[in-house]
Structure formats: C-alpha cells, structure tokens
Amino acid sequence: MARRGPDWADWVARLPGLLAGLLGEWELSSDGLLMHGYVAVVAPVRTTGGTPAALKVSFPDEESEHEHLALQRWGGRGAVRMLRADPNRSAMLLERLHQERLLELWDLEACAVVAGLYELLHVPALPQLRLLTSYVERWADEMEALPRNAPLPRRLVEQAISASRDWAGPRSVLRRSRGSS
C-alpha cells in the first residue's frame, strides 16, 4: 500500500499507532491475524464481553468516507452490522461475519443470495451521500482522457465510456455539453 504514493505511505506509517489507539480506547483485544483489502485493514477483535468483532480502518478517501452512514442506514439488514464508528479516523467496529464465500456456492445459489440481499439493501439513499453517477461520470472522463496508445484495446475503452455515459443518463451529457463537470 505504501508504494501507491506519499499519502498512502504516511497512512501506512501511522497505522500501527492508529490500530493500537483504537484497541485501547474501544477496549478491544486482538483475536487473529490482520487482513487487508485494497483500501483498508481489518483486525479480528473481541469486545470486553468476549463478542467476536472486526475493527476496520480505511484509507481516508472519498469513496470510503460515508461507508459508516450507509452501514448505519442498513442497520445490519443485508449488510454487516456496524457496532461503532469514528469517521474522523475512518474506523469502524463491525460484527464478525462467517467465512462463507459466494464463489463456493453453485451459481444459482449464489444468485439467490445476492437477489435476497438486494431487496434488503434497496432503500432510499441518505441526502449527504454522493450519487453513484458522479463517480461513473468521473471514471468515464478519466477513460476518455486515456491516450490512444494506452495498453488497452481502444474498442473496449470506447464501449466502457459509452456504457458509462448511457448509465449516468442525460443529465451527465447535458452537463458536459455546457462545459462543466
């Protein structure tokens, strides 16, 4: 993660102290090996009452900044239940989930699980959340700015841009035609 740039290197350097501080303040004990994804680390922990949980600390980026609000909104219905959050430190204490993976299920079973979750997760968005269309528009602009000799088939780049613009809708096209982004 530290090789991604100076902001990432700084975050990685601060991470041990950040985790130790949260463990102490939230009275948690470590309960396993640290795991990581693309933008976060997750520490299996136990609460003072012995309940298994997961301490997640994310890199402070705009795509993660409202995760705690979404999890609060869902309240454990179709998503992991959030037990506690500190948005200023991009930290959340989450219920610990079982290790079942959809990849280990038969395709139709996995689709049934996803379909059942969609019904629970499909709720009106909170007003302070950024719309997904704003991300899609930005990503389409970034793809459009790729040089023609980028190491990607240009046909696929053009298809992705077109699909993104279609999905983001007429508002996005109107805004671009007026010269704003």
N, C-alpha and C. Protein backbone atom coordinates (compact mmCIF):
# COMPACT_ATOMS: atom_id res chain seq x y z
N MET A 1 0.81 -1.20 0.00
CA MET A 1 0.00 0.00 0.00
C MET A 1 0.86 1.26 0.00
N ALA A 2 1.97 1.23 0.70
CA ALA A 2 2.81 2.42 0.83
C ALA A 2 3.40 2.84 -0.51
N ARG A 3 3.49 1.91 -1.47
CA ARG A 3 4.06 2.24 -2.78
C ARG A 3 3.09 3.03 -3.66
N ARG A 4 1.88 3.25 -3.20
CA ARG A 4 0.89 3.98 -4.00
C ARG A 4 1.11 5.49 -4.00
N GLY A 5 1.98 5.97 -3.15
CA GLY A 5 2.25 7.41 -3.11
C GLY A 5 2.46 7.90 -1.70
N PRO A 6 2.83 9.17 -1.55
CA PRO A 6 3.17 9.72 -0.23
C PRO A 6 2.02 9.69 0.77
N ASP A 7 0.79 9.94 0.32
CA ASP A 7 -0.35 9.90 1.24
C ASP A 7 -0.55 8.50 1.80
N TRP A 8 -0.42 7.52 0.92
CA TRP A 8 -0.55 6.13 1.36
C TRP A 8 0.59 5.75 2.30
N ALA A 9 1.80 6.15 1.96
CA ALA A 9 2.96 5.81 2.81
C ALA A 9 2.79 6.41 4.21
N ASP A 10 2.29 7.64 4.27
CA ASP A 10 2.04 8.28 5.55
C ASP A 10 0.98 7.52 6.35
N TRP A 11 -0.10 7.12 5.68
CA TRP A 11 -1.16 6.37 6.34
C TRP A 11 -0.65 5.03 6.86
N VAL A 12 0.12 4.33 6.05
CA VAL A 12 0.68 3.04 6.46
C VAL A 12 1.60 3.22 7.67
N ALA A 13 2.39 4.29 7.68
CA ALA A 13 3.30 4.56 8.82
C ALA A 13 2.51 4.85 10.09
N ARG A 14 1.36 5.51 9.97
CA ARG A 14 0.54 5.83 11.14
C ARG A 14 -0.35 4.68 11.60
N LEU A 15 -0.53 3.69 10.75
CA LEU A 15 -1.48 2.61 11.00
C LEU A 15 -1.25 1.85 12.31
N PRO A 16 -0.04 1.43 12.65
CA PRO A 16 0.14 0.70 13.91
C PRO A 16 -0.32 1.50 15.13
N GLY A 17 -0.01 2.78 15.16
CA GLY A 17 -0.45 3.62 16.28
C GLY A 17 -1.95 3.83 16.28
N LEU A 18 -2.51 3.98 15.10
CA LEU A 18 -3.95 4.15 14.97
C LEU A 18 -4.69 2.91 15.47
N LEU A 19 -4.24 1.74 15.04
CA LEU A 19 -4.86 0.49 15.50
C LEU A 19 -4.71 0.32 17.01
N ALA A 20 -3.51 0.56 17.52
CA ALA A 20 -3.27 0.42 18.97
C ALA A 20 -4.16 1.38 19.76
N GLY A 21 -4.29 2.62 19.28
CA GLY A 21 -5.13 3.60 19.94
C GLY A 21 -6.59 3.16 19.98
N LEU A 22 -7.10 2.65 18.86
CA LEU A 22 -8.49 2.21 18.80
C LEU A 22 -8.72 0.98 19.68
N LEU A 23 -7.77 0.05 19.67
CA LEU A 23 -7.90 -1.13 20.54
C LEU A 23 -8.03 -0.70 22.00
N GLY A 24 -7.20 0.25 22.40
CA GLY A 24 -7.24 0.72 23.78
C GLY A 24 -8.50 1.51 24.10
N GLU A 25 -8.82 2.48 23.28
CA GLU A 25 -9.99 3.33 23.53
C GLU A 25 -11.30 2.55 23.51
N TRP A 26 -11.41 1.61 22.60
CA TRP A 26 -12.66 0.86 22.48
C TRP A 26 -12.62 -0.44 23.29
N GLU A 27 -11.56 -0.62 24.08
CA GLU A 27 -11.40 -1.78 24.96
C GLU A 27 -11.59 -3.09 24.20
N LEU A 28 -10.79 -3.25 23.16
CA LEU A 28 -10.84 -4.43 22.32
C LEU A 28 -9.56 -5.23 22.51
N SER A 29 -9.65 -6.53 22.31
CA SER A 29 -8.44 -7.36 22.33
C SER A 29 -8.29 -8.02 20.96
N SER A 30 -7.07 -8.13 20.51
CA SER A 30 -6.77 -8.74 19.23
C SER A 30 -7.16 -10.21 19.27
N ASP A 31 -7.69 -10.71 18.15
CA ASP A 31 -8.20 -12.08 18.13
C ASP A 31 -7.87 -12.78 16.81
N GLY A 32 -6.73 -12.48 16.23
CA GLY A 32 -6.36 -13.14 14.98
C GLY A 32 -5.44 -12.27 14.16
N LEU A 33 -5.14 -12.76 12.98
CA LEU A 33 -4.22 -12.08 12.09
C LEU A 33 -4.91 -10.93 11.34
N LEU A 34 -4.16 -9.88 11.16
CA LEU A 34 -4.62 -8.71 10.42
C LEU A 34 -4.86 -9.11 8.96
N MET A 35 -5.94 -8.61 8.37
CA MET A 35 -6.26 -8.86 6.97
C MET A 35 -6.33 -7.51 6.27
N HIS A 36 -6.23 -7.51 4.96
CA HIS A 36 -6.35 -6.24 4.25
C HIS A 36 -7.03 -6.45 2.90
N GLY A 37 -7.64 -5.37 2.44
CA GLY A 37 -8.20 -5.31 1.10
C GLY A 37 -7.45 -4.23 0.36
N TYR A 38 -8.10 -3.58 -0.58
CA TYR A 38 -7.42 -2.55 -1.36
C TYR A 38 -7.25 -1.25 -0.60
N VAL A 39 -8.24 -0.86 0.22
CA VAL A 39 -8.17 0.43 0.91
C VAL A 39 -8.30 0.34 2.42
N ALA A 40 -8.26 -0.86 2.99
CA ALA A 40 -8.48 -0.97 4.43
C ALA A 40 -7.75 -2.17 5.01
N VAL A 41 -7.55 -2.09 6.32
CA VAL A 41 -7.08 -3.25 7.07
C VAL A 41 -8.20 -3.63 8.04
N VAL A 42 -8.28 -4.92 8.33
CA VAL A 42 -9.31 -5.43 9.24
C VAL A 42 -8.61 -6.31 10.26
N ALA A 43 -8.87 -5.99 11.54
CA ALA A 43 -8.29 -6.76 12.64
C ALA A 43 -9.40 -7.52 13.34
N PRO A 44 -9.32 -8.86 13.38
CA PRO A 44 -10.29 -9.60 14.18
C PRO A 44 -10.05 -9.25 15.66
N VAL A 45 -11.12 -8.91 16.35
CA VAL A 45 -11.02 -8.48 17.75
C VAL A 45 -12.14 -9.11 18.57
N ARG A 46 -12.03 -8.93 19.88
CA ARG A 46 -13.10 -9.30 20.81
C ARG A 46 -13.39 -8.09 21.68
N THR A 47 -14.67 -7.91 21.98
CA THR A 47 -15.07 -6.82 22.87
C THR A 47 -14.80 -7.24 24.31
N THR A 48 -14.99 -6.32 25.24
CA THR A 48 -14.77 -6.66 26.66
C THR A 48 -15.68 -7.79 27.11
N GLY A 49 -16.84 -7.92 26.48
CA GLY A 49 -17.75 -9.02 26.81
C GLY A 49 -17.42 -10.31 26.09
N GLY A 50 -16.37 -10.31 25.28
CA GLY A 50 -15.95 -11.52 24.57
C GLY A 50 -16.59 -11.72 23.22
N THR A 51 -17.38 -10.77 22.77
CA THR A 51 -18.05 -10.89 21.47
C THR A 51 -17.04 -10.73 20.33
N PRO A 52 -17.01 -11.67 19.38
CA PRO A 52 -16.13 -11.52 18.23
C PRO A 52 -16.60 -10.35 17.36
N ALA A 53 -15.66 -9.55 16.89
CA ALA A 53 -15.96 -8.40 16.05
C ALA A 53 -14.79 -8.19 15.10
N ALA A 54 -14.91 -7.17 14.27
CA ALA A 54 -13.84 -6.82 13.32
C ALA A 54 -13.63 -5.32 13.36
N LEU A 55 -12.39 -4.91 13.57
CA LEU A 55 -12.02 -3.50 13.56
C LEU A 55 -11.49 -3.18 12.16
N LYS A 56 -12.21 -2.31 11.45
CA LYS A 56 -11.83 -1.95 10.09
C LYS A 56 -11.35 -0.51 10.09
N VAL A 57 -10.14 -0.30 9.54
CA VAL A 57 -9.59 1.05 9.40
C VAL A 57 -9.26 1.24 7.93
N SER A 58 -9.88 2.26 7.34
CA SER A 58 -9.74 2.51 5.91
C SER A 58 -8.83 3.69 5.64
N PHE A 59 -8.21 3.66 4.47
CA PHE A 59 -7.50 4.83 3.98
C PHE A 59 -8.54 5.93 3.81
N PRO A 60 -8.26 7.14 4.27
CA PRO A 60 -9.26 8.20 4.20
C PRO A 60 -9.43 8.75 2.78
N ASP A 61 -10.28 8.08 2.00
CA ASP A 61 -10.56 8.54 0.64
C ASP A 61 -12.05 8.83 0.50
N GLU A 62 -12.41 9.52 -0.56
CA GLU A 62 -13.80 9.95 -0.71
C GLU A 62 -14.76 8.78 -0.93
N GLU A 63 -14.27 7.68 -1.46
CA GLU A 63 -15.16 6.55 -1.70
C GLU A 63 -15.49 5.80 -0.41
N SER A 64 -14.70 5.97 0.63
CA SER A 64 -14.94 5.28 1.90
C SER A 64 -15.53 6.20 2.97
N GLU A 65 -15.52 7.50 2.74
CA GLU A 65 -15.85 8.42 3.81
C GLU A 65 -17.27 8.30 4.34
N HIS A 66 -18.21 7.82 3.55
CA HIS A 66 -19.59 7.70 4.02
C HIS A 66 -20.01 6.26 4.26
N GLU A 67 -19.07 5.33 4.26
CA GLU A 67 -19.40 3.93 4.46
C GLU A 67 -20.15 3.72 5.77
N HIS A 68 -19.72 4.41 6.81
CA HIS A 68 -20.37 4.26 8.11
C HIS A 68 -21.83 4.71 8.06
N LEU A 69 -22.14 5.73 7.26
CA LEU A 69 -23.52 6.20 7.14
C LEU A 69 -24.39 5.15 6.43
N ALA A 70 -23.85 4.54 5.38
CA ALA A 70 -24.60 3.51 4.67
C ALA A 70 -24.85 2.31 5.59
N LEU A 71 -23.82 1.89 6.32
CA LEU A 71 -24.00 0.75 7.22
C LEU A 71 -24.98 1.08 8.34
N GLN A 72 -24.94 2.30 8.81
CA GLN A 72 -25.91 2.73 9.84
C GLN A 72 -27.32 2.70 9.26
N ARG A 73 -27.48 3.17 8.04
CA ARG A 73 -28.78 3.19 7.38
C ARG A 73 -29.35 1.79 7.23
N TRP A 74 -28.51 0.82 6.81
CA TRP A 74 -28.98 -0.54 6.63
C TRP A 74 -29.23 -1.25 7.96
N GLY A 75 -28.54 -0.83 9.01
CA GLY A 75 -28.77 -1.40 10.33
C GLY A 75 -28.62 -2.91 10.41
N GLY A 76 -27.70 -3.48 9.65
CA GLY A 76 -27.48 -4.92 9.70
C GLY A 76 -28.43 -5.73 8.84
N ARG A 77 -29.32 -5.06 8.12
CA ARG A 77 -30.25 -5.76 7.23
C ARG A 77 -29.62 -5.89 5.84
N GLY A 78 -29.06 -7.04 5.53
CA GLY A 78 -28.46 -7.27 4.23
C GLY A 78 -27.00 -6.87 4.14
N ALA A 79 -26.47 -6.28 5.19
CA ALA A 79 -25.07 -5.85 5.24
C ALA A 79 -24.55 -6.11 6.65
N VAL A 80 -23.26 -6.06 6.78
CA VAL A 80 -22.66 -6.25 8.09
C VAL A 80 -23.21 -5.20 9.07
N ARG A 81 -23.40 -5.59 10.31
CA ARG A 81 -23.90 -4.65 11.32
C ARG A 81 -22.73 -3.87 11.90
N MET A 82 -22.87 -2.55 11.90
CA MET A 82 -21.85 -1.68 12.47
C MET A 82 -22.14 -1.51 13.96
N LEU A 83 -21.12 -1.73 14.78
CA LEU A 83 -21.27 -1.60 16.22
C LEU A 83 -20.84 -0.23 16.73
N ARG A 84 -19.87 0.37 16.02
CA ARG A 84 -19.33 1.66 16.44
C ARG A 84 -18.54 2.24 15.28
N ALA A 85 -18.45 3.57 15.24
CA ALA A 85 -17.68 4.20 14.16
C ALA A 85 -17.00 5.46 14.65
N ASP A 86 -15.84 5.74 14.06
CA ASP A 86 -15.14 7.00 14.26
C ASP A 86 -14.77 7.51 12.87
N PRO A 87 -15.68 8.29 12.24
CA PRO A 87 -15.43 8.75 10.87
C PRO A 87 -14.16 9.57 10.72
N ASN A 88 -13.76 10.30 11.75
CA ASN A 88 -12.55 11.12 11.66
C ASN A 88 -11.30 10.28 11.49
N ARG A 89 -11.34 9.05 11.96
CA ARG A 89 -10.20 8.14 11.80
C ARG A 89 -10.49 7.03 10.80
N SER A 90 -11.60 7.16 10.07
CA SER A 90 -12.00 6.14 9.08
C SER A 90 -12.01 4.75 9.70
N ALA A 91 -12.54 4.66 10.91
CA ALA A 91 -12.55 3.39 11.65
C ALA A 91 -13.97 2.97 11.99
N MET A 92 -14.19 1.65 11.91
CA MET A 92 -15.48 1.09 12.28
C MET A 92 -15.27 -0.23 13.01
N LEU A 93 -16.11 -0.46 13.99
CA LEU A 93 -16.16 -1.76 14.65
C LEU A 93 -17.38 -2.46 14.08
N LEU A 94 -17.17 -3.62 13.48
CA LEU A 94 -18.23 -4.34 12.78
C LEU A 94 -18.46 -5.71 13.41
N GLU A 95 -19.67 -6.22 13.25
CA GLU A 95 -19.90 -7.60 13.68
C GLU A 95 -18.97 -8.49 12.84
N ARG A 96 -18.54 -9.58 13.42
CA ARG A 96 -17.69 -10.50 12.66
C ARG A 96 -18.58 -11.48 11.91
N LEU A 97 -18.33 -11.61 10.64
CA LEU A 97 -19.14 -12.48 9.79
C LEU A 97 -18.49 -13.85 9.65
N HIS A 98 -19.29 -14.81 9.21
CA HIS A 98 -18.75 -16.15 8.93
C HIS A 98 -17.96 -16.09 7.63
N GLN A 99 -17.22 -17.11 7.37
CA GLN A 99 -16.28 -17.10 6.24
C GLN A 99 -16.85 -17.66 4.94
N GLU A 100 -18.17 -17.88 4.85
CA GLU A 100 -18.73 -18.41 3.62
C GLU A 100 -18.51 -17.43 2.47
N ARG A 101 -18.16 -17.98 1.31
CA ARG A 101 -17.93 -17.15 0.13
C ARG A 101 -18.88 -17.60 -0.98
N LEU A 102 -19.41 -16.65 -1.71
CA LEU A 102 -20.33 -16.98 -2.79
C LEU A 102 -19.65 -17.81 -3.87
N LEU A 103 -18.35 -17.66 -4.03
CA LEU A 103 -17.63 -18.44 -5.04
C LEU A 103 -17.70 -19.93 -4.77
N GLU A 104 -17.97 -20.30 -3.52
CA GLU A 104 -18.02 -21.71 -3.16
C GLU A 104 -19.41 -22.30 -3.36
N LEU A 105 -20.38 -21.47 -3.73
CA LEU A 105 -21.75 -21.94 -3.96
C LEU A 105 -21.97 -22.20 -5.44
N TRP A 106 -22.97 -23.01 -5.72
CA TRP A 106 -23.39 -23.23 -7.09
C TRP A 106 -23.93 -21.91 -7.62
N ASP A 107 -23.80 -21.62 -8.91
CA ASP A 107 -24.16 -20.32 -9.48
C ASP A 107 -25.57 -19.86 -9.11
N LEU A 108 -26.56 -20.75 -9.25
CA LEU A 108 -27.94 -20.35 -8.95
C LEU A 108 -28.12 -20.04 -7.46
N GLU A 109 -27.43 -20.78 -6.61
CA GLU A 109 -27.50 -20.49 -5.17
C GLU A 109 -26.91 -19.11 -4.88
N ALA A 110 -25.76 -18.81 -5.47
CA ALA A 110 -25.12 -17.51 -5.26
C ALA A 110 -26.02 -16.38 -5.76
N CYS A 111 -26.65 -16.57 -6.91
CA CYS A 111 -27.57 -15.55 -7.44
C CYS A 111 -28.76 -15.35 -6.50
N ALA A 112 -29.26 -16.42 -5.92
CA ALA A 112 -30.39 -16.31 -4.98
C ALA A 112 -29.98 -15.52 -3.75
N VAL A 113 -28.77 -15.73 -3.27
CA VAL A 113 -28.28 -14.98 -2.11
C VAL A 113 -28.21 -13.49 -2.45
N VAL A 114 -27.61 -13.16 -3.58
CA VAL A 114 -27.48 -11.76 -3.99
C VAL A 114 -28.86 -11.13 -4.18
N ALA A 115 -29.77 -11.84 -4.82
CA ALA A 115 -31.12 -11.30 -5.04
C ALA A 115 -31.83 -11.04 -3.72
N GLY A 116 -31.64 -11.92 -2.75
CA GLY A 116 -32.25 -11.72 -1.43
C GLY A 116 -31.68 -10.52 -0.72
N LEU A 117 -30.40 -10.26 -0.90
CA LEU A 117 -29.76 -9.10 -0.27
C LEU A 117 -30.21 -7.80 -0.92
N TYR A 118 -30.41 -7.83 -2.24
CA TYR A 118 -30.81 -6.62 -2.95
C TYR A 118 -32.10 -6.05 -2.37
N GLU A 119 -33.05 -6.93 -2.09
CA GLU A 119 -34.33 -6.48 -1.54
C GLU A 119 -34.12 -5.75 -0.21
N LEU A 120 -33.17 -6.21 0.59
CA LEU A 120 -32.91 -5.59 1.89
C LEU A 120 -32.12 -4.28 1.75
N LEU A 121 -31.22 -4.23 0.80
CA LEU A 121 -30.33 -3.08 0.65
C LEU A 121 -30.94 -1.94 -0.15
N HIS A 122 -31.96 -2.23 -0.92
CA HIS A 122 -32.55 -1.21 -1.79
C HIS A 122 -33.45 -0.28 -0.96
N VAL A 123 -32.84 0.76 -0.42
CA VAL A 123 -33.55 1.77 0.36
C VAL A 123 -33.14 3.13 -0.18
N PRO A 124 -33.97 4.15 0.02
CA PRO A 124 -33.57 5.49 -0.45
C PRO A 124 -32.25 5.92 0.17
N ALA A 125 -31.41 6.53 -0.64
CA ALA A 125 -30.10 6.98 -0.17
C ALA A 125 -30.24 8.17 0.77
N LEU A 126 -29.32 8.29 1.68
CA LEU A 126 -29.28 9.45 2.56
C LEU A 126 -28.86 10.67 1.74
N PRO A 127 -29.37 11.84 2.07
CA PRO A 127 -29.09 13.02 1.24
C PRO A 127 -27.62 13.43 1.21
N GLN A 128 -26.82 13.10 2.22
CA GLN A 128 -25.43 13.53 2.24
C GLN A 128 -24.50 12.61 1.43
N LEU A 129 -25.02 11.51 0.91
CA LEU A 129 -24.19 10.61 0.12
C LEU A 129 -24.05 11.12 -1.30
N ARG A 130 -22.86 10.91 -1.86
CA ARG A 130 -22.64 11.26 -3.27
C ARG A 130 -23.37 10.24 -4.13
N LEU A 131 -23.92 10.71 -5.23
CA LEU A 131 -24.59 9.80 -6.15
C LEU A 131 -23.56 8.97 -6.91
N LEU A 132 -23.90 7.73 -7.18
CA LEU A 132 -23.01 6.86 -7.93
C LEU A 132 -22.73 7.44 -9.31
N THR A 133 -23.70 8.16 -9.86
CA THR A 133 -23.49 8.75 -11.19
C THR A 133 -22.31 9.72 -11.20
N SER A 134 -22.05 10.39 -10.08
CA SER A 134 -20.91 11.32 -10.06
C SER A 134 -19.59 10.56 -10.21
N TYR A 135 -19.50 9.37 -9.61
CA TYR A 135 -18.29 8.56 -9.77
C TYR A 135 -18.19 8.04 -11.20
N VAL A 136 -19.30 7.55 -11.73
CA VAL A 136 -19.29 6.99 -13.08
C VAL A 136 -18.90 8.07 -14.09
N GLU A 137 -19.42 9.27 -13.91
CA GLU A 137 -19.07 10.37 -14.82
C GLU A 137 -17.57 10.66 -14.76
N ARG A 138 -17.02 10.70 -13.55
CA ARG A 138 -15.58 10.98 -13.40
C ARG A 138 -14.75 9.86 -14.03
N TRP A 139 -15.15 8.62 -13.79
CA TRP A 139 -14.40 7.50 -14.37
C TRP A 139 -14.48 7.53 -15.90
N ALA A 140 -15.64 7.89 -16.44
CA ALA A 140 -15.78 7.98 -17.90
C ALA A 140 -14.87 9.08 -18.43
N ASP A 141 -14.81 10.21 -17.73
CA ASP A 141 -13.90 11.29 -18.15
C ASP A 141 -12.45 10.82 -18.12
N GLU A 142 -12.08 10.06 -17.08
CA GLU A 142 -10.71 9.55 -16.99
C GLU A 142 -10.41 8.57 -18.12
N MET A 143 -11.39 7.73 -18.46
CA MET A 143 -11.17 6.80 -19.57
C MET A 143 -11.06 7.56 -20.89
N GLU A 144 -11.86 8.61 -21.03
CA GLU A 144 -11.83 9.40 -22.26
C GLU A 144 -10.48 10.10 -22.43
N ALA A 145 -9.84 10.42 -21.31
CA ALA A 145 -8.55 11.10 -21.35
C ALA A 145 -7.37 10.15 -21.59
N LEU A 146 -7.63 8.84 -21.61
CA LEU A 146 -6.55 7.90 -21.87
C LEU A 146 -5.97 8.13 -23.26
N PRO A 147 -4.66 8.04 -23.38
CA PRO A 147 -4.07 8.20 -24.72
C PRO A 147 -4.50 7.04 -25.62
N ARG A 148 -4.55 7.30 -26.89
CA ARG A 148 -4.99 6.26 -27.84
C ARG A 148 -4.05 5.05 -27.82
N ASN A 149 -2.80 5.26 -27.40
CA ASN A 149 -1.86 4.14 -27.35
C ASN A 149 -1.79 3.49 -25.96
N ALA A 150 -2.79 3.73 -25.10
CA ALA A 150 -2.82 3.08 -23.79
C ALA A 150 -2.85 1.57 -23.99
N PRO A 151 -2.29 0.81 -23.05
CA PRO A 151 -2.20 -0.65 -23.23
C PRO A 151 -3.54 -1.36 -23.00
N LEU A 152 -4.59 -0.81 -23.60
CA LEU A 152 -5.93 -1.39 -23.53
C LEU A 152 -6.52 -1.36 -24.92
N PRO A 153 -7.31 -2.35 -25.28
CA PRO A 153 -7.95 -2.28 -26.59
C PRO A 153 -8.88 -1.06 -26.64
N ARG A 154 -8.64 -0.17 -27.58
CA ARG A 154 -9.40 1.09 -27.65
C ARG A 154 -10.90 0.83 -27.81
N ARG A 155 -11.24 -0.24 -28.52
CA ARG A 155 -12.65 -0.59 -28.70
C ARG A 155 -13.32 -0.82 -27.35
N LEU A 156 -12.63 -1.50 -26.41
CA LEU A 156 -13.20 -1.76 -25.09
C LEU A 156 -13.31 -0.48 -24.27
N VAL A 157 -12.31 0.39 -24.41
CA VAL A 157 -12.36 1.69 -23.71
C VAL A 157 -13.56 2.49 -24.20
N GLU A 158 -13.75 2.54 -25.52
CA GLU A 158 -14.88 3.28 -26.09
C GLU A 158 -16.21 2.68 -25.63
N GLN A 159 -16.29 1.35 -25.57
CA GLN A 159 -17.52 0.71 -25.11
C GLN A 159 -17.79 1.05 -23.65
N ALA A 160 -16.76 1.05 -22.83
CA ALA A 160 -16.92 1.37 -21.41
C ALA A 160 -17.37 2.83 -21.24
N ILE A 161 -16.78 3.73 -22.01
CA ILE A 161 -17.18 5.14 -21.94
C ILE A 161 -18.64 5.28 -22.34
N SER A 162 -19.02 4.65 -23.42
CA SER A 162 -20.39 4.74 -23.91
C SER A 162 -21.38 4.17 -22.90
N ALA A 163 -21.06 3.00 -22.35
CA ALA A 163 -21.95 2.39 -21.35
C ALA A 163 -22.06 3.27 -20.11
N SER A 164 -20.95 3.86 -19.71
CA SER A 164 -20.95 4.74 -18.54
C SER A 164 -21.81 5.97 -18.78
N ARG A 165 -21.66 6.58 -19.94
CA ARG A 165 -22.45 7.77 -20.27
C ARG A 165 -23.94 7.42 -20.36
N ASP A 166 -24.24 6.27 -20.98
CA ASP A 166 -25.65 5.84 -21.06
C ASP A 166 -26.22 5.62 -19.67
N TRP A 167 -25.46 4.96 -18.81
CA TRP A 167 -25.95 4.64 -17.47
C TRP A 167 -26.11 5.91 -16.63
N ALA A 168 -25.17 6.82 -16.74
CA ALA A 168 -25.23 8.05 -15.94
C ALA A 168 -26.40 8.92 -16.38
N GLY A 169 -26.84 8.76 -17.61
CA GLY A 169 -28.07 9.41 -18.04
C GLY A 169 -27.88 10.75 -18.72
N PRO A 170 -29.00 11.31 -19.16
CA PRO A 170 -28.99 12.56 -19.93
C PRO A 170 -28.43 13.75 -19.15
N ARG A 171 -28.61 13.77 -17.82
CA ARG A 171 -28.08 14.89 -17.04
C ARG A 171 -26.58 15.01 -17.25
N SER A 172 -25.90 13.89 -17.28
CA SER A 172 -24.45 13.91 -17.43
C SER A 172 -24.06 14.47 -18.81
N VAL A 173 -24.77 14.08 -19.86
CA VAL A 173 -24.48 14.56 -21.21
C VAL A 173 -24.75 16.05 -21.28
N LEU A 174 -25.86 16.50 -20.72
CA LEU A 174 -26.21 17.92 -20.72
C LEU A 174 -25.15 18.74 -20.00
N ARG A 175 -24.72 18.26 -18.85
CA ARG A 175 -23.72 18.99 -18.06
C ARG A 175 -22.41 19.10 -18.83
N ARG A 176 -21.97 18.01 -19.49
CA ARG A 176 -20.72 18.04 -20.26
C ARG A 176 -20.85 18.99 -21.45
N SER A 177 -22.02 19.02 -22.09
CA SER A 177 -22.17 19.86 -23.27
C SER A 177 -22.14 21.35 -22.90
N ARG A 178 -22.45 21.66 -21.65
CA ARG A 178 -22.39 23.05 -21.19
C ARG A 178 -21.00 23.43 -20.70
N GLY A 179 -20.08 22.45 -20.70
CA GLY A 179 -18.69 22.76 -20.34
C GLY A 179 -18.38 22.60 -18.87
N SER A 180 -19.28 22.07 -18.07
CA SER A 180 -18.97 21.86 -16.65
C SER A 180 -18.83 20.37 -16.41
N SER A 181 -18.19 20.03 -15.31
CA SER A 181 -18.06 18.61 -15.00
C SER A 181 -18.45 18.35 -13.58
